């Protein structure tokens, strides 16, 4: 089965041929509970390689030591567990996946670390159901920039701003090629700072990107806050708009919320890589 998995620090977004789904990225310690309340469909207890823990909404409400690891790389154990839970929930016995990595650390060394930690056979138990599956192939795409490959566009120059919870990726694609000098990551995001001043965050993004980008450029905004910040971004970049990626669910074409833009892009890349 092919999957596009965006293992963000706020939510894990998954795209398959059946559609898109997500669950909270929260992880935390496991413990015996005297009062076993239910908090939602994303309550999860997991066990992997001898480690037991809570995940999703159960971790959010019942773990004392909640962790939602952020940063400029996804080459860490938390991202691995989030991804394996995603495959447990939405994958099959044999899987081929594409995952993401912030642009600032999208280099061969970090990408190989991610491939090595995910590729192979895994056994993980989620909510009492144990599954053993293989991840046969893994590729690592650039977060934000990959969104271009989910679009049907003939625009010669596309700028993309991808506002995540832990990082902001900004990318430039011209004639179907990355322009590295006009692309990078900002090491803050919608949930990674003490200040939650959205206006100031957008002003900072514009201050950085406008060093290379022009006001009249086509700018597409991805991420969970895309619709919220569209007007703020378009006050400078006149052609800025929140992106909605087309996808098929239950045989019908729909347009996904911008939060799924990376996951759907990863799925499209996976189709090109694996469906041959």
C-alpha atoms as a PDB file:
ATOM      1  CA  UNK A   1       0.000   0.000   0.000  1.00  0.00           C
ATOM      2  CA  UNK A   2       1.257   3.485  -0.750  1.00  0.00           C
ATOM      3  CA  UNK A   3       0.879   6.291   1.772  1.00  0.00           C
ATOM      4  CA  UNK A   4       1.823   9.937   2.064  1.00  0.00           C
ATOM      5  CA  UNK A   5       2.517  10.658   5.737  1.00  0.00           C
ATOM      6  CA  UNK A   6       3.101  14.140   7.140  1.00  0.00           C
ATOM      7  CA  UNK A   7       4.178  13.446  10.730  1.00  0.00           C
ATOM      8  CA  UNK A   8       3.815  16.957  12.088  1.00  0.00           C
ATOM      9  CA  UNK A   9       4.362  17.909  15.705  1.00  0.00           C
ATOM     10  CA  UNK A  10       0.718  18.920  16.137  1.00  0.00           C
ATOM     11  CA  UNK A  11      -1.034  16.350  13.970  1.00  0.00           C
ATOM     12  CA  UNK A  12      -0.141  13.413  11.757  1.00  0.00           C
ATOM     13  CA  UNK A  13      -1.770  13.777   8.349  1.00  0.00           C
ATOM     14  CA  UNK A  14      -2.146  10.717   6.130  1.00  0.00           C
ATOM     15  CA  UNK A  15      -3.165  10.467   2.487  1.00  0.00           C
ATOM     16  CA  UNK A  16      -4.064   7.162   0.827  1.00  0.00           C
ATOM     17  CA  UNK A  17      -6.051   6.160  -2.229  1.00  0.00           C
ATOM     18  CA  UNK A  18      -9.094   6.133   0.081  1.00  0.00           C
ATOM     19  CA  UNK A  19      -8.746   9.798   1.110  1.00  0.00           C
ATOM     20  CA  UNK A  20      -7.165  11.846   3.886  1.00  0.00           C
ATOM     21  CA  UNK A  21      -7.137  11.415   7.657  1.00  0.00           C
ATOM     22  CA  UNK A  22      -5.365  12.840  10.682  1.00  0.00           C
ATOM     23  CA  UNK A  23      -4.803  12.304  14.385  1.00  0.00           C
ATOM     24  CA  UNK A  24      -3.065  14.331  17.118  1.00  0.00           C
ATOM     25  CA  UNK A  25       0.711  13.829  17.345  1.00  0.00           C
ATOM     26  CA  UNK A  26       0.794  13.822  21.155  1.00  0.00           C
ATOM     27  CA  UNK A  27       2.859  11.092  22.803  1.00  0.00           C
ATOM     28  CA  UNK A  28       3.255  10.456  26.506  1.00  0.00           C
ATOM     29  CA  UNK A  29       4.056   7.907  29.160  1.00  0.00           C
ATOM     30  CA  UNK A  30       1.788   4.945  29.891  1.00  0.00           C
ATOM     31  CA  UNK A  31       0.348   4.312  33.341  1.00  0.00           C
ATOM     32  CA  UNK A  32      -2.430   2.367  34.997  1.00  0.00           C
ATOM     33  CA  UNK A  33      -5.581   4.463  35.250  1.00  0.00           C
ATOM     34  CA  UNK A  34      -8.128   4.212  38.032  1.00  0.00           C
ATOM     35  CA  UNK A  35     -10.709   6.198  36.057  1.00  0.00           C
ATOM     36  CA  UNK A  36     -10.799   5.183  32.411  1.00  0.00           C
ATOM     37  CA  UNK A  37     -12.485   8.041  30.590  1.00  0.00           C
ATOM     38  CA  UNK A  38     -12.829   8.209  26.806  1.00  0.00           C
ATOM     39  CA  UNK A  39     -11.773  11.409  25.037  1.00  0.00           C
ATOM     40  CA  UNK A  40     -12.381  10.589  21.378  1.00  0.00           C
ATOM     41  CA  UNK A  41     -11.713   8.282  18.462  1.00  0.00           C
ATOM     42  CA  UNK A  42      -8.001   9.113  18.608  1.00  0.00           C
ATOM     43  CA  UNK A  43      -7.448   7.740  22.133  1.00  0.00           C
ATOM     44  CA  UNK A  44      -4.514   5.360  21.741  1.00  0.00           C
ATOM     45  CA  UNK A  45      -2.351   3.122  23.873  1.00  0.00           C
ATOM     46  CA  UNK A  46       0.686   1.746  22.056  1.00  0.00           C
ATOM     47  CA  UNK A  47       3.549  -0.647  22.662  1.00  0.00           C
ATOM     48  CA  UNK A  48       6.645  -0.739  20.474  1.00  0.00           C
ATOM     49  CA  UNK A  49       9.931  -2.514  21.188  1.00  0.00           C
ATOM     50  CA  UNK A  50       9.094  -2.845  24.860  1.00  0.00           C
ATOM     51  CA  UNK A  51       7.987   0.774  25.304  1.00  0.00           C
ATOM     52  CA  UNK A  52       4.393   1.421  26.299  1.00  0.00           C
ATOM     53  CA  UNK A  53       2.783   4.811  25.979  1.00  0.00           C
ATOM     54  CA  UNK A  54      -0.295   6.886  25.368  1.00  0.00           C
ATOM     55  CA  UNK A  55      -0.812   8.631  22.045  1.00  0.00           C
ATOM     56  CA  UNK A  56      -3.291  11.034  20.465  1.00  0.00           C
ATOM     57  CA  UNK A  57      -6.056  12.450  22.627  1.00  0.00           C
ATOM     58  CA  UNK A  58      -5.359   9.957  25.416  1.00  0.00           C
ATOM     59  CA  UNK A  59      -1.814  11.295  25.793  1.00  0.00           C
ATOM     60  CA  UNK A  60      -3.084  14.869  25.665  1.00  0.00           C
ATOM     61  CA  UNK A  61      -5.365  14.368  28.657  1.00  0.00           C
ATOM     62  CA  UNK A  62      -3.760  11.587  30.691  1.00  0.00           C
ATOM     63  CA  UNK A  63       0.036  11.760  30.301  1.00  0.00           C
ATOM     64  CA  UNK A  64       1.960  13.812  32.844  1.00  0.00           C
ATOM     65  CA  UNK A  65       4.984  14.121  30.538  1.00  0.00           C
ATOM     66  CA  UNK A  66       3.423  15.046  27.243  1.00  0.00           C
ATOM     67  CA  UNK A  67       5.771  15.369  24.295  1.00  0.00           C
ATOM     68  CA  UNK A  68       5.218  16.892  20.856  1.00  0.00           C
ATOM     69  CA  UNK A  69       8.789  17.081  19.629  1.00  0.00           C
ATOM     70  CA  UNK A  70       9.396  19.940  17.202  1.00  0.00           C
ATOM     71  CA  UNK A  71      12.454  21.107  15.313  1.00  0.00           C
ATOM     72  CA  UNK A  72      14.150  21.222  11.945  1.00  0.00           C
ATOM     73  CA  UNK A  73      14.426  17.457  11.417  1.00  0.00           C
ATOM     74  CA  UNK A  74      12.119  14.434  11.569  1.00  0.00           C
ATOM     75  CA  UNK A  75      14.989  12.007  12.182  1.00  0.00           C
ATOM     76  CA  UNK A  76      13.970  11.184  15.750  1.00  0.00           C
ATOM     77  CA  UNK A  77      12.124   8.491  17.668  1.00  0.00           C
ATOM     78  CA  UNK A  78       8.907  10.464  18.173  1.00  0.00           C
ATOM     79  CA  UNK A  79       8.483  10.944  14.422  1.00  0.00           C
ATOM     80  CA  UNK A  80       9.158   7.232  13.957  1.00  0.00           C
ATOM     81  CA  UNK A  81       6.430   6.223  16.419  1.00  0.00           C
ATOM     82  CA  UNK A  82       3.939   8.693  14.916  1.00  0.00           C
ATOM     83  CA  UNK A  83       4.638   7.275  11.454  1.00  0.00           C
ATOM     84  CA  UNK A  84       4.348   3.651  12.590  1.00  0.00           C
ATOM     85  CA  UNK A  85       1.022   4.403  14.272  1.00  0.00           C
ATOM     86  CA  UNK A  86      -0.138   5.934  10.969  1.00  0.00           C
ATOM     87  CA  UNK A  87       0.852   2.787   9.060  1.00  0.00           C
ATOM     88  CA  UNK A  88      -0.843   0.619  11.709  1.00  0.00           C
ATOM     89  CA  UNK A  89      -4.064   2.605  11.290  1.00  0.00           C
ATOM     90  CA  UNK A  90      -4.137   3.168   7.544  1.00  0.00           C
ATOM     91  CA  UNK A  91      -1.593   0.874   5.889  1.00  0.00           C
ATOM     92  CA  UNK A  92      -1.349  -2.824   5.097  1.00  0.00           C
ATOM     93  CA  UNK A  93       1.098  -5.723   5.444  1.00  0.00           C
ATOM     94  CA  UNK A  94       3.365  -4.273   2.710  1.00  0.00           C
ATOM     95  CA  UNK A  95       3.850  -0.519   2.459  1.00  0.00           C
ATOM     96  CA  UNK A  96       5.695   2.057   0.396  1.00  0.00           C
ATOM     97  CA  UNK A  97       5.669   5.534   1.844  1.00  0.00           C
ATOM     98  CA  UNK A  98       6.790   9.105   1.314  1.00  0.00           C
ATOM     99  CA  UNK A  99       7.370  11.280   4.376  1.00  0.00           C
ATOM    100  CA  UNK A 100       8.520  14.863   4.845  1.00  0.00           C
ATOM    101  CA  UNK A 101      11.510  16.781   6.147  1.00  0.00           C
ATOM    102  CA  UNK A 102      11.866  20.565   6.669  1.00  0.00           C
ATOM    103  CA  UNK A 103      13.772  22.228   3.835  1.00  0.00           C
ATOM    104  CA  UNK A 104      16.559  23.489   6.089  1.00  0.00           C
ATOM    105  CA  UNK A 105      17.557  19.882   6.913  1.00  0.00           C
ATOM    106  CA  UNK A 106      16.552  18.255   3.630  1.00  0.00           C
ATOM    107  CA  UNK A 107      20.035  16.865   3.003  1.00  0.00           C
ATOM    108  CA  UNK A 108      21.319  13.402   2.167  1.00  0.00           C
ATOM    109  CA  UNK A 109      22.541  12.673   5.700  1.00  0.00           C
ATOM    110  CA  UNK A 110      19.276  13.485   7.467  1.00  0.00           C
ATOM    111  CA  UNK A 111      17.169  11.848   4.759  1.00  0.00           C
ATOM    112  CA  UNK A 112      19.170   8.626   5.055  1.00  0.00           C
ATOM    113  CA  UNK A 113      18.679   8.605   8.834  1.00  0.00           C
ATOM    114  CA  UNK A 114      14.903   8.826   8.304  1.00  0.00           C
ATOM    115  CA  UNK A 115      14.941   6.051   5.706  1.00  0.00           C
ATOM    116  CA  UNK A 116      17.029   3.793   7.932  1.00  0.00           C
ATOM    117  CA  UNK A 117      14.754   4.250  10.950  1.00  0.00           C
ATOM    118  CA  UNK A 118      11.552   3.530   9.008  1.00  0.00           C
ATOM    119  CA  UNK A 119      12.490   0.924   6.432  1.00  0.00           C
ATOM    120  CA  UNK A 120      12.059  -2.749   7.363  1.00  0.00           C
ATOM    121  CA  UNK A 121       9.711  -4.887   9.404  1.00  0.00           C
ATOM    122  CA  UNK A 122       7.935  -3.463  12.447  1.00  0.00           C
ATOM    123  CA  UNK A 123       5.616  -4.889  15.080  1.00  0.00           C
ATOM    124  CA  UNK A 124       3.525  -2.367  16.995  1.00  0.00           C
ATOM    125  CA  UNK A 125       0.454  -2.742  19.188  1.00  0.00           C
ATOM    126  CA  UNK A 126      -2.191  -0.006  19.192  1.00  0.00           C
ATOM    127  CA  UNK A 127      -5.226  -0.333  21.458  1.00  0.00           C
ATOM    128  CA  UNK A 128      -4.582  -4.022  21.959  1.00  0.00           C
ATOM    129  CA  UNK A 129      -4.267  -4.848  18.257  1.00  0.00           C
ATOM    130  CA  UNK A 130      -0.819  -6.091  17.294  1.00  0.00           C
ATOM    131  CA  UNK A 131       0.243  -5.740  13.665  1.00  0.00           C
ATOM    132  CA  UNK A 132       3.433  -6.733  11.957  1.00  0.00           C
ATOM    133  CA  UNK A 133       4.074  -4.975   8.662  1.00  0.00           C
ATOM    134  CA  UNK A 134       6.864  -4.073   6.287  1.00  0.00           C
ATOM    135  CA  UNK A 135       7.839  -0.640   5.056  1.00  0.00           C
ATOM    136  CA  UNK A 136       9.599  -1.710   1.900  1.00  0.00           C
ATOM    137  CA  UNK A 137      10.488   1.663   0.452  1.00  0.00           C
ATOM    138  CA  UNK A 138      10.775   5.149   1.951  1.00  0.00           C
ATOM    139  CA  UNK A 139      11.457   8.440   0.249  1.00  0.00           C
ATOM    140  CA  UNK A 140      11.785  11.813   1.966  1.00  0.00           C
ATOM    141  CA  UNK A 141      10.284  14.899   0.323  1.00  0.00           C
ATOM    142  CA  UNK A 142      10.825  18.556   1.131  1.00  0.00           C
ATOM    143  CA  UNK A 143       7.979  19.923   3.232  1.00  0.00           C
ATOM    144  CA  UNK A 144       6.290  22.866   1.597  1.00  0.00           C
ATOM    145  CA  UNK A 145       8.087  22.581  -1.716  1.00  0.00           C
ATOM    146  CA  UNK A 146       6.589  19.151  -2.387  1.00  0.00           C
ATOM    147  CA  UNK A 147       3.134  20.756  -2.517  1.00  0.00           C
ATOM    148  CA  UNK A 148       3.887  21.842  -6.089  1.00  0.00           C
ATOM    149  CA  UNK A 149       3.625  18.191  -7.155  1.00  0.00           C
ATOM    150  CA  UNK A 150       0.059  17.992  -5.867  1.00  0.00           C
ATOM    151  CA  UNK A 151      -1.029  20.781  -8.209  1.00  0.00           C
ATOM    152  CA  UNK A 152      -2.131  20.933 -11.796  1.00  0.00           C
ATOM    153  CA  UNK A 153      -0.567  24.242 -12.717  1.00  0.00           C
ATOM    154  CA  UNK A 154       1.263  25.704 -15.661  1.00  0.00           C
ATOM    155  CA  UNK A 155       2.426  28.803 -13.772  1.00  0.00           C
ATOM    156  CA  UNK A 156       6.127  29.272 -14.543  1.00  0.00           C
ATOM    157  CA  UNK A 157       6.976  30.438 -11.017  1.00  0.00           C
ATOM    158  CA  UNK A 158       5.329  29.310  -7.782  1.00  0.00           C
ATOM    159  CA  UNK A 159       6.193  30.418  -4.253  1.00  0.00           C
ATOM    160  CA  UNK A 160       4.896  28.281  -1.387  1.00  0.00           C
ATOM    161  CA  UNK A 161       4.635  29.158   2.306  1.00  0.00           C
ATOM    162  CA  UNK A 162       3.947  26.144   4.515  1.00  0.00           C
ATOM    163  CA  UNK A 163       3.111  27.121   8.088  1.00  0.00           C
ATOM    164  CA  UNK A 164       3.544  24.147  10.374  1.00  0.00           C
ATOM    165  CA  UNK A 165       3.271  23.912  14.114  1.00  0.00           C
ATOM    166  CA  UNK A 166       7.048  23.736  14.594  1.00  0.00           C
ATOM    167  CA  UNK A 167       8.559  25.222  11.443  1.00  0.00           C
ATOM    168  CA  UNK A 168       7.662  27.451   8.509  1.00  0.00           C
ATOM    169  CA  UNK A 169       8.925  26.211   5.141  1.00  0.00           C
ATOM    170  CA  UNK A 170       9.101  28.528   2.175  1.00  0.00           C
ATOM    171  CA  UNK A 171       9.898  27.206  -1.280  1.00  0.00           C
ATOM    172  CA  UNK A 172      10.308  28.376  -4.845  1.00  0.00           C
ATOM    173  CA  UNK A 173       9.632  26.211  -7.887  1.00  0.00           C
ATOM    174  CA  UNK A 174      10.398  27.599 -11.327  1.00  0.00           C
ATOM    175  CA  UNK A 175       9.669  25.579 -14.481  1.00  0.00           C
ATOM    176  CA  UNK A 176       9.221  22.469 -12.337  1.00  0.00           C
ATOM    177  CA  UNK A 177      12.580  22.797 -10.533  1.00  0.00           C
ATOM    178  CA  UNK A 178      13.437  23.792  -6.981  1.00  0.00           C
ATOM    179  CA  UNK A 179      15.289  27.080  -6.629  1.00  0.00           C
ATOM    180  CA  UNK A 180      17.314  26.395  -3.507  1.00  0.00           C
ATOM    181  CA  UNK A 181      18.598  29.940  -2.966  1.00  0.00           C
ATOM    182  CA  UNK A 182      15.002  31.174  -2.684  1.00  0.00           C
ATOM    183  CA  UNK A 183      13.863  28.356  -0.364  1.00  0.00           C
ATOM    184  CA  UNK A 184      14.487  27.517   3.284  1.00  0.00           C
ATOM    185  CA  UNK A 185      12.848  26.991   6.678  1.00  0.00           C
ATOM    186  CA  UNK A 186      12.193  29.280   9.627  1.00  0.00           C
ATOM    187  CA  UNK A 187      12.750  27.537  12.934  1.00  0.00           C
ATOM    188  CA  UNK A 188       9.484  28.581  14.504  1.00  0.00           C
ATOM    189  CA  UNK A 189       5.881  27.715  13.789  1.00  0.00           C
ATOM    190  CA  UNK A 190       2.294  28.199  14.826  1.00  0.00           C
ATOM    191  CA  UNK A 191       2.764  26.403  18.163  1.00  0.00           C
ATOM    192  CA  UNK A 192       6.487  26.543  18.890  1.00  0.00           C
ATOM    193  CA  UNK A 193       6.781  29.968  20.552  1.00  0.00           C
ATOM    194  CA  UNK A 194       5.544  31.567  23.754  1.00  0.00           C
ATOM    195  CA  UNK A 195       3.980  34.372  21.754  1.00  0.00           C
ATOM    196  CA  UNK A 196       0.877  33.475  19.758  1.00  0.00           C
ATOM    197  CA  UNK A 197       0.727  36.779  17.897  1.00  0.00           C
ATOM    198  CA  UNK A 198      -0.274  35.670  14.397  1.00  0.00           C
ATOM    199  CA  UNK A 199       0.210  39.131  12.892  1.00  0.00           C
ATOM    200  CA  UNK A 200       3.785  39.300  14.124  1.00  0.00           C
ATOM    201  CA  UNK A 201       4.510  35.782  12.881  1.00  0.00           C
ATOM    202  CA  UNK A 202       3.260  36.637   9.382  1.00  0.00           C
ATOM    203  CA  UNK A 203       5.221  39.894   9.396  1.00  0.00           C
ATOM    204  CA  UNK A 204       8.330  37.899  10.232  1.00  0.00           C
ATOM    205  CA  UNK A 205       7.645  35.432   7.399  1.00  0.00           C
ATOM    206  CA  UNK A 206       7.168  38.273   4.932  1.00  0.00           C
ATOM    207  CA  UNK A 207      10.307  40.036   6.169  1.00  0.00           C
ATOM    208  CA  UNK A 208      12.328  36.908   5.468  1.00  0.00           C
ATOM    209  CA  UNK A 209      10.785  35.829   2.158  1.00  0.00           C
ATOM    210  CA  UNK A 210      10.623  39.331   0.670  1.00  0.00           C
ATOM    211  CA  UNK A 211      14.422  39.440   0.597  1.00  0.00           C
ATOM    212  CA  UNK A 212      14.178  37.261  -2.522  1.00  0.00           C
ATOM    213  CA  UNK A 213      10.505  37.225  -3.538  1.00  0.00           C
ATOM    214  CA  UNK A 214       8.542  39.951  -5.326  1.00  0.00           C
ATOM    215  CA  UNK A 215       5.193  41.373  -4.294  1.00  0.00           C
ATOM    216  CA  UNK A 216       3.555  40.265  -7.558  1.00  0.00           C
ATOM    217  CA  UNK A 217       4.671  36.606  -7.324  1.00  0.00           C
ATOM    218  CA  UNK A 218       2.096  33.823  -7.105  1.00  0.00           C
ATOM    219  CA  UNK A 219       2.224  32.665  -3.468  1.00  0.00           C
ATOM    220  CA  UNK A 220       0.354  29.595  -2.208  1.00  0.00           C
ATOM    221  CA  UNK A 221      -0.128  29.027   1.515  1.00  0.00           C
ATOM    222  CA  UNK A 222      -0.285  25.543   3.046  1.00  0.00           C
ATOM    223  CA  UNK A 223      -0.710  24.303   6.599  1.00  0.00           C
ATOM    224  CA  UNK A 224      -3.378  24.406   9.263  1.00  0.00           C
ATOM    225  CA  UNK A 225      -3.329  28.209   9.529  1.00  0.00           C
ATOM    226  CA  UNK A 226      -3.371  28.895   5.783  1.00  0.00           C
ATOM    227  CA  UNK A 227      -6.940  30.175   5.597  1.00  0.00           C
ATOM    228  CA  UNK A 228      -6.523  32.200   8.789  1.00  0.00           C
ATOM    229  CA  UNK A 229      -3.465  34.067   7.527  1.00  0.00           C
ATOM    230  CA  UNK A 230      -4.427  34.421   3.853  1.00  0.00           C
ATOM    231  CA  UNK A 231      -5.543  38.043   4.191  1.00  0.00           C
ATOM    232  CA  UNK A 232      -2.453  38.948   6.194  1.00  0.00           C
ATOM    233  CA  UNK A 233      -0.101  37.429   3.627  1.00  0.00           C
ATOM    234  CA  UNK A 234      -2.014  38.935   0.694  1.00  0.00           C
ATOM    235  CA  UNK A 235      -1.626  42.399   2.196  1.00  0.00           C
ATOM    236  CA  UNK A 236       1.939  42.158   0.891  1.00  0.00           C
ATOM    237  CA  UNK A 237       1.888  39.382  -1.725  1.00  0.00           C
ATOM    238  CA  UNK A 238      -1.141  40.429  -3.746  1.00  0.00           C
ATOM    239  CA  UNK A 239      -1.516  37.007  -5.408  1.00  0.00           C
ATOM    240  CA  UNK A 240      -1.348  34.996  -2.175  1.00  0.00           C
ATOM    241  CA  UNK A 241      -4.049  32.447  -1.423  1.00  0.00           C
ATOM    242  CA  UNK A 242      -4.612  29.389   0.719  1.00  0.00           C
ATOM    243  CA  UNK A 243      -4.156  26.239  -1.304  1.00  0.00           C
ATOM    244  CA  UNK A 244      -6.755  23.482  -1.564  1.00  0.00           C
ATOM    245  CA  UNK A 245      -5.463  20.313  -3.188  1.00  0.00           C
ATOM    246  CA  UNK A 246      -7.850  18.180  -5.253  1.00  0.00           C
ATOM    247  CA  UNK A 247      -8.168  14.520  -4.270  1.00  0.00           C
ATOM    248  CA  UNK A 248     -10.534  11.609  -4.769  1.00  0.00           C
ATOM    249  CA  UNK A 249     -12.544  10.116  -1.899  1.00  0.00           C
ATOM    250  CA  UNK A 250     -15.216   7.477  -2.422  1.00  0.00           C
ATOM    251  CA  UNK A 251     -15.013   8.067  -6.148  1.00  0.00           C
ATOM    252  CA  UNK A 252     -15.756  11.782  -5.826  1.00  0.00           C
ATOM    253  CA  UNK A 253     -13.370  14.677  -6.411  1.00  0.00           C
ATOM    254  CA  UNK A 254     -13.060  16.979  -3.408  1.00  0.00           C
ATOM    255  CA  UNK A 255     -10.664  19.685  -2.267  1.00  0.00           C
ATOM    256  CA  UNK A 256      -8.716  19.129   0.928  1.00  0.00           C
ATOM    257  CA  UNK A 257      -8.084  21.683   3.635  1.00  0.00           C
ATOM    258  CA  UNK A 258      -4.577  23.215   3.283  1.00  0.00           C
ATOM    259  CA  UNK A 259      -3.425  21.219   6.316  1.00  0.00           C
ATOM    260  CA  UNK A 260      -3.396  18.119   4.076  1.00  0.00           C
ATOM    261  CA  UNK A 261      -1.387  19.715   1.256  1.00  0.00           C
ATOM    262  CA  UNK A 262       1.903  18.028   2.170  1.00  0.00           C
ATOM    263  CA  UNK A 263       0.381  14.591   2.780  1.00  0.00           C
ATOM    264  CA  UNK A 264      -1.416  14.677  -0.583  1.00  0.00           C
ATOM    265  CA  UNK A 265       1.745  15.873  -2.306  1.00  0.00           C
ATOM    266  CA  UNK A 266       3.660  12.994  -0.723  1.00  0.00           C
ATOM    267  CA  UNK A 267       0.995  10.573  -1.989  1.00  0.00           C
ATOM    268  CA  UNK A 268       1.310  11.969  -5.513  1.00  0.00           C
ATOM    269  CA  UNK A 269       5.084  11.589  -5.341  1.00  0.00           C
ATOM    270  CA  UNK A 270       4.650   8.021  -4.055  1.00  0.00           C
ATOM    271  CA  UNK A 271       2.397   7.216  -7.011  1.00  0.00           C
ATOM    272  CA  UNK A 272       5.086   8.408  -9.384  1.00  0.00           C
ATOM    273  CA  UNK A 273       7.842   6.507  -7.611  1.00  0.00           C
ATOM    274  CA  UNK A 274       6.140   3.234  -6.782  1.00  0.00           C
ATOM    275  CA  UNK A 275       3.261   2.722  -9.222  1.00  0.00           C
ATOM    276  CA  UNK A 276       5.328   1.673 -12.222  1.00  0.00           C
END
